[in-house]
Every structure is written in C-alpha cells, then in structure tokens.
Amino acid sequence: MTTTTHATRATSTLGTLVRTGVVATVAASAATMIVAAVGRAAGVSLEVSGAPIPVAGFGVLTAVFSLIGVVLAALLSRFARRPRRAFVRTTVALTVLSVVPDVIADADTATKALLMLTHLVAAAIVIPAVARRLAA
C-alpha cells in the first residue's frame, strides 16, 4: 500500500490577516507610547520644532501607518506572486524611509534617536506578525 502526501501552502484568509494586523497594530501602538513615555521620563524632549508631541500621538500615528500596512498586505495577498516577500521588502524600505524625517527634524539628538526608535519598534512588531500570515 502506498500513500501520497501533498504539501499544502500555508495561507490565511483575509479575515485572519486583518485580525492579526489589528492585534499587531494595537501592540505596536502601545509599545511606541511606552517607549515615548519612558524616554520622556528619562529626560528626552518630545519637542520637534518647538512643538511638543503628546505620548498618545505616537500611538495614533503608529496605528494609522500600521493599518495602512495591513491594507498593503491584503492587496499583496491578492495580487502579488510572492506576497510575503513583496510585503517584507516593501515595508522594510518604507521603514527606512520613515526615519528620514526624524534625521532632519528640528530636534535634539536624543529626540531624533527616540523618534527613530519608535519607528523601529513598531516595524519589529507589525512586519513579522503580518508577514507570517502571507503566502511565501
């Protein structure tokens, strides 16, 4: 008697992708607010061009851009030949680009470093979580 095994591709439904993306978004938003609050408590200014950035602002902007990433993942899952690869490459490039305004911001060095750190923290949470739900 012979048995045949078929390799199946691990893909997820759109609903699973979106749920995972929303959970990762919430986690990333909370994490960036914690990083900002810890930075402020450690004496890092949260002012850019003389205007203060509220701690909640970190969470809101993280949520907005993370959800845009989830929409991007959904589109790539539908239209890309290799959705996971396309998503990771695109979001890593966008993360690199996202720190450019921090580098040129009218802020002190510690503030710039904190802003860049929040981008990297959010990316480190959202990108892998969402990428795992996409077909390789």
C-alpha atoms as a PDB file:
ATOM      1  CA  MET A   1       0.000   0.000   0.000  1.00  0.00           C
ATOM      2  CA  THR A   2       1.351   3.405  -0.885  1.00  0.00           C
ATOM      3  CA  THR A   3       0.369   6.739   0.474  1.00  0.00           C
ATOM      4  CA  THR A   4       0.794  10.045  -1.156  1.00  0.00           C
ATOM      5  CA  THR A   5       1.321  13.229   0.752  1.00  0.00           C
ATOM      6  CA  HIS A   6       0.721  16.610  -0.714  1.00  0.00           C
ATOM      7  CA  ALA A   7       2.450  19.684   0.534  1.00  0.00           C
ATOM      8  CA  THR A   8      -0.037  22.429   1.181  1.00  0.00           C
ATOM      9  CA  ARG A   9       0.788  26.041   1.133  1.00  0.00           C
ATOM     10  CA  ALA A  10       0.084  27.758   4.435  1.00  0.00           C
ATOM     11  CA  THR A  11      -2.066  30.709   3.566  1.00  0.00           C
ATOM     12  CA  SER A  12      -4.595  32.512   5.627  1.00  0.00           C
ATOM     13  CA  THR A  13      -7.876  34.093   4.915  1.00  0.00           C
ATOM     14  CA  LEU A  14      -8.271  37.806   4.588  1.00  0.00           C
ATOM     15  CA  GLY A  15     -10.062  37.836   7.933  1.00  0.00           C
ATOM     16  CA  THR A  16      -7.145  36.146   9.681  1.00  0.00           C
ATOM     17  CA  LEU A  17      -4.704  38.534   8.050  1.00  0.00           C
ATOM     18  CA  VAL A  18      -6.732  41.563   9.133  1.00  0.00           C
ATOM     19  CA  ARG A  19      -7.238  40.258  12.688  1.00  0.00           C
ATOM     20  CA  THR A  20      -3.523  39.576  13.036  1.00  0.00           C
ATOM     21  CA  GLY A  21      -2.753  43.020  11.622  1.00  0.00           C
ATOM     22  CA  VAL A  22      -5.135  44.754  14.023  1.00  0.00           C
ATOM     23  CA  VAL A  23      -3.698  42.905  17.039  1.00  0.00           C
ATOM     24  CA  ALA A  24      -0.160  43.771  15.917  1.00  0.00           C
ATOM     25  CA  THR A  25      -1.248  47.380  15.389  1.00  0.00           C
ATOM     26  CA  VAL A  26      -2.609  47.631  18.927  1.00  0.00           C
ATOM     27  CA  ALA A  27       0.568  46.072  20.325  1.00  0.00           C
ATOM     28  CA  ALA A  28       2.802  48.371  18.278  1.00  0.00           C
ATOM     29  CA  SER A  29       0.798  51.452  19.273  1.00  0.00           C
ATOM     30  CA  ALA A  30       1.082  50.555  22.944  1.00  0.00           C
ATOM     31  CA  ALA A  31       4.792  49.818  22.560  1.00  0.00           C
ATOM     32  CA  THR A  32       5.570  53.144  20.889  1.00  0.00           C
ATOM     33  CA  MET A  33       3.647  55.026  23.571  1.00  0.00           C
ATOM     34  CA  ILE A  34       5.625  53.153  26.239  1.00  0.00           C
ATOM     35  CA  VAL A  35       8.910  53.973  24.503  1.00  0.00           C
ATOM     36  CA  ALA A  36       7.906  57.644  24.269  1.00  0.00           C
ATOM     37  CA  ALA A  37       6.781  57.759  27.914  1.00  0.00           C
ATOM     38  CA  VAL A  38       9.975  56.070  29.122  1.00  0.00           C
ATOM     39  CA  GLY A  39      12.037  58.443  27.005  1.00  0.00           C
ATOM     40  CA  ARG A  40      10.219  61.460  28.393  1.00  0.00           C
ATOM     41  CA  ALA A  41      10.634  60.135  31.947  1.00  0.00           C
ATOM     42  CA  ALA A  42      14.356  59.730  31.245  1.00  0.00           C
ATOM     43  CA  GLY A  43      14.557  63.379  30.257  1.00  0.00           C
ATOM     44  CA  VAL A  44      14.339  63.120  26.471  1.00  0.00           C
ATOM     45  CA  SER A  45      12.428  66.026  24.993  1.00  0.00           C
ATOM     46  CA  LEU A  46       9.415  65.174  22.881  1.00  0.00           C
ATOM     47  CA  GLU A  47       9.539  68.523  21.096  1.00  0.00           C
ATOM     48  CA  VAL A  48      10.096  68.938  17.381  1.00  0.00           C
ATOM     49  CA  SER A  49      10.438  72.483  16.047  1.00  0.00           C
ATOM     50  CA  GLY A  50       9.405  73.725  19.483  1.00  0.00           C
ATOM     51  CA  ALA A  51       6.076  71.861  19.422  1.00  0.00           C
ATOM     52  CA  PRO A  52       5.556  69.015  21.882  1.00  0.00           C
ATOM     53  CA  ILE A  53       4.478  65.599  20.643  1.00  0.00           C
ATOM     54  CA  PRO A  54       1.967  64.049  23.047  1.00  0.00           C
ATOM     55  CA  VAL A  55       2.668  60.461  24.060  1.00  0.00           C
ATOM     56  CA  ALA A  56      -0.736  59.444  22.686  1.00  0.00           C
ATOM     57  CA  GLY A  57       0.313  60.919  19.340  1.00  0.00           C
ATOM     58  CA  PHE A  58       2.891  58.162  18.996  1.00  0.00           C
ATOM     59  CA  GLY A  59       0.172  55.563  19.377  1.00  0.00           C
ATOM     60  CA  VAL A  60      -2.216  57.249  16.973  1.00  0.00           C
ATOM     61  CA  LEU A  61       0.338  57.656  14.198  1.00  0.00           C
ATOM     62  CA  THR A  62       1.592  54.119  14.742  1.00  0.00           C
ATOM     63  CA  ALA A  63      -1.967  52.841  14.385  1.00  0.00           C
ATOM     64  CA  VAL A  64      -2.638  54.818  11.218  1.00  0.00           C
ATOM     65  CA  PHE A  65       0.507  53.717   9.417  1.00  0.00           C
ATOM     66  CA  SER A  66       0.309  50.140  10.686  1.00  0.00           C
ATOM     67  CA  LEU A  67      -3.230  49.832   9.362  1.00  0.00           C
ATOM     68  CA  ILE A  68      -2.042  51.177   6.024  1.00  0.00           C
ATOM     69  CA  GLY A  69       0.495  48.331   6.135  1.00  0.00           C
ATOM     70  CA  VAL A  70      -2.307  45.830   6.767  1.00  0.00           C
ATOM     71  CA  VAL A  71      -4.180  47.158   3.729  1.00  0.00           C
ATOM     72  CA  LEU A  72      -0.960  46.832   1.721  1.00  0.00           C
ATOM     73  CA  ALA A  73      -0.622  43.223   2.918  1.00  0.00           C
ATOM     74  CA  ALA A  74      -4.205  42.461   1.901  1.00  0.00           C
ATOM     75  CA  LEU A  75      -3.605  43.894  -1.565  1.00  0.00           C
ATOM     76  CA  LEU A  76      -0.356  41.998  -1.964  1.00  0.00           C
ATOM     77  CA  SER A  77      -2.000  38.767  -0.822  1.00  0.00           C
ATOM     78  CA  ARG A  78      -4.452  39.184  -3.662  1.00  0.00           C
ATOM     79  CA  PHE A  79      -2.233  40.496  -6.448  1.00  0.00           C
ATOM     80  CA  ALA A  80       1.416  39.616  -5.759  1.00  0.00           C
ATOM     81  CA  ARG A  81       3.006  36.388  -6.916  1.00  0.00           C
ATOM     82  CA  ARG A  82       5.000  36.192  -3.668  1.00  0.00           C
ATOM     83  CA  PRO A  83       3.022  38.259  -1.148  1.00  0.00           C
ATOM     84  CA  ARG A  84       5.239  37.690   1.898  1.00  0.00           C
ATOM     85  CA  ARG A  85       8.419  38.594   0.071  1.00  0.00           C
ATOM     86  CA  ALA A  86       6.830  41.672  -1.508  1.00  0.00           C
ATOM     87  CA  PHE A  87       5.368  42.776   1.830  1.00  0.00           C
ATOM     88  CA  VAL A  88       8.611  42.409   3.760  1.00  0.00           C
ATOM     89  CA  ARG A  89      10.702  44.158   1.114  1.00  0.00           C
ATOM     90  CA  THR A  90       8.216  46.997   0.757  1.00  0.00           C
ATOM     91  CA  THR A  91       7.671  47.558   4.471  1.00  0.00           C
ATOM     92  CA  VAL A  92      11.365  47.394   5.319  1.00  0.00           C
ATOM     93  CA  ALA A  93      12.046  50.002   2.626  1.00  0.00           C
ATOM     94  CA  LEU A  94       9.200  52.155   3.953  1.00  0.00           C
ATOM     95  CA  THR A  95      10.556  51.813   7.486  1.00  0.00           C
ATOM     96  CA  VAL A  96      13.955  53.026   6.335  1.00  0.00           C
ATOM     97  CA  LEU A  97      12.298  55.957   4.573  1.00  0.00           C
ATOM     98  CA  SER A  98      10.220  56.718   7.663  1.00  0.00           C
ATOM     99  CA  VAL A  99      13.291  57.626   9.683  1.00  0.00           C
ATOM    100  CA  VAL A 100      14.457  60.237   7.174  1.00  0.00           C
ATOM    101  CA  PRO A 101      12.170  62.965   8.595  1.00  0.00           C
ATOM    102  CA  ASP A 102      13.469  62.093  12.080  1.00  0.00           C
ATOM    103  CA  VAL A 103      17.060  62.582  10.959  1.00  0.00           C
ATOM    104  CA  ILE A 104      16.349  66.022   9.502  1.00  0.00           C
ATOM    105  CA  ALA A 105      13.869  67.124  12.185  1.00  0.00           C
ATOM    106  CA  ASP A 106      14.466  70.317  14.126  1.00  0.00           C
ATOM    107  CA  ALA A 107      15.109  68.461  17.383  1.00  0.00           C
ATOM    108  CA  ASP A 108      17.993  67.491  19.595  1.00  0.00           C
ATOM    109  CA  THR A 109      19.911  64.269  19.032  1.00  0.00           C
ATOM    110  CA  ALA A 110      18.199  62.343  21.827  1.00  0.00           C
ATOM    111  CA  THR A 111      14.772  63.252  20.483  1.00  0.00           C
ATOM    112  CA  LYS A 112      15.742  62.183  16.976  1.00  0.00           C
ATOM    113  CA  ALA A 113      17.033  58.875  18.327  1.00  0.00           C
ATOM    114  CA  LEU A 114      13.820  58.321  20.281  1.00  0.00           C
ATOM    115  CA  LEU A 115      11.687  59.068  17.214  1.00  0.00           C
ATOM    116  CA  MET A 116      13.714  56.619  15.128  1.00  0.00           C
ATOM    117  CA  LEU A 117      13.476  54.003  17.868  1.00  0.00           C
ATOM    118  CA  THR A 118       9.676  54.213  17.881  1.00  0.00           C
ATOM    119  CA  HIS A 119       9.610  53.561  14.128  1.00  0.00           C
ATOM    120  CA  LEU A 120      11.829  50.526  14.529  1.00  0.00           C
ATOM    121  CA  VAL A 121       9.832  49.180  17.478  1.00  0.00           C
ATOM    122  CA  ALA A 122       6.574  49.439  15.543  1.00  0.00           C
ATOM    123  CA  ALA A 123       8.105  47.793  12.470  1.00  0.00           C
ATOM    124  CA  ALA A 124       9.606  45.000  14.562  1.00  0.00           C
ATOM    125  CA  ILE A 125       6.149  44.170  15.896  1.00  0.00           C
ATOM    126  CA  VAL A 126       3.927  44.626  12.844  1.00  0.00           C
ATOM    127  CA  ILE A 127       6.044  43.402   9.926  1.00  0.00           C
ATOM    128  CA  PRO A 128       6.801  39.882  11.215  1.00  0.00           C
ATOM    129  CA  ALA A 129       3.283  39.343  12.567  1.00  0.00           C
ATOM    130  CA  VAL A 130       1.616  40.271   9.295  1.00  0.00           C
ATOM    131  CA  ALA A 131       4.259  38.603   7.109  1.00  0.00           C
ATOM    132  CA  ARG A 132       3.639  35.254   8.843  1.00  0.00           C
ATOM    133  CA  ARG A 133       0.042  35.383   7.583  1.00  0.00           C
ATOM    134  CA  LEU A 134       1.042  35.836   3.946  1.00  0.00           C
ATOM    135  CA  ALA A 135       1.876  33.102   1.479  1.00  0.00           C
ATOM    136  CA  ALA A 136       5.564  32.736   0.842  1.00  0.00           C
END
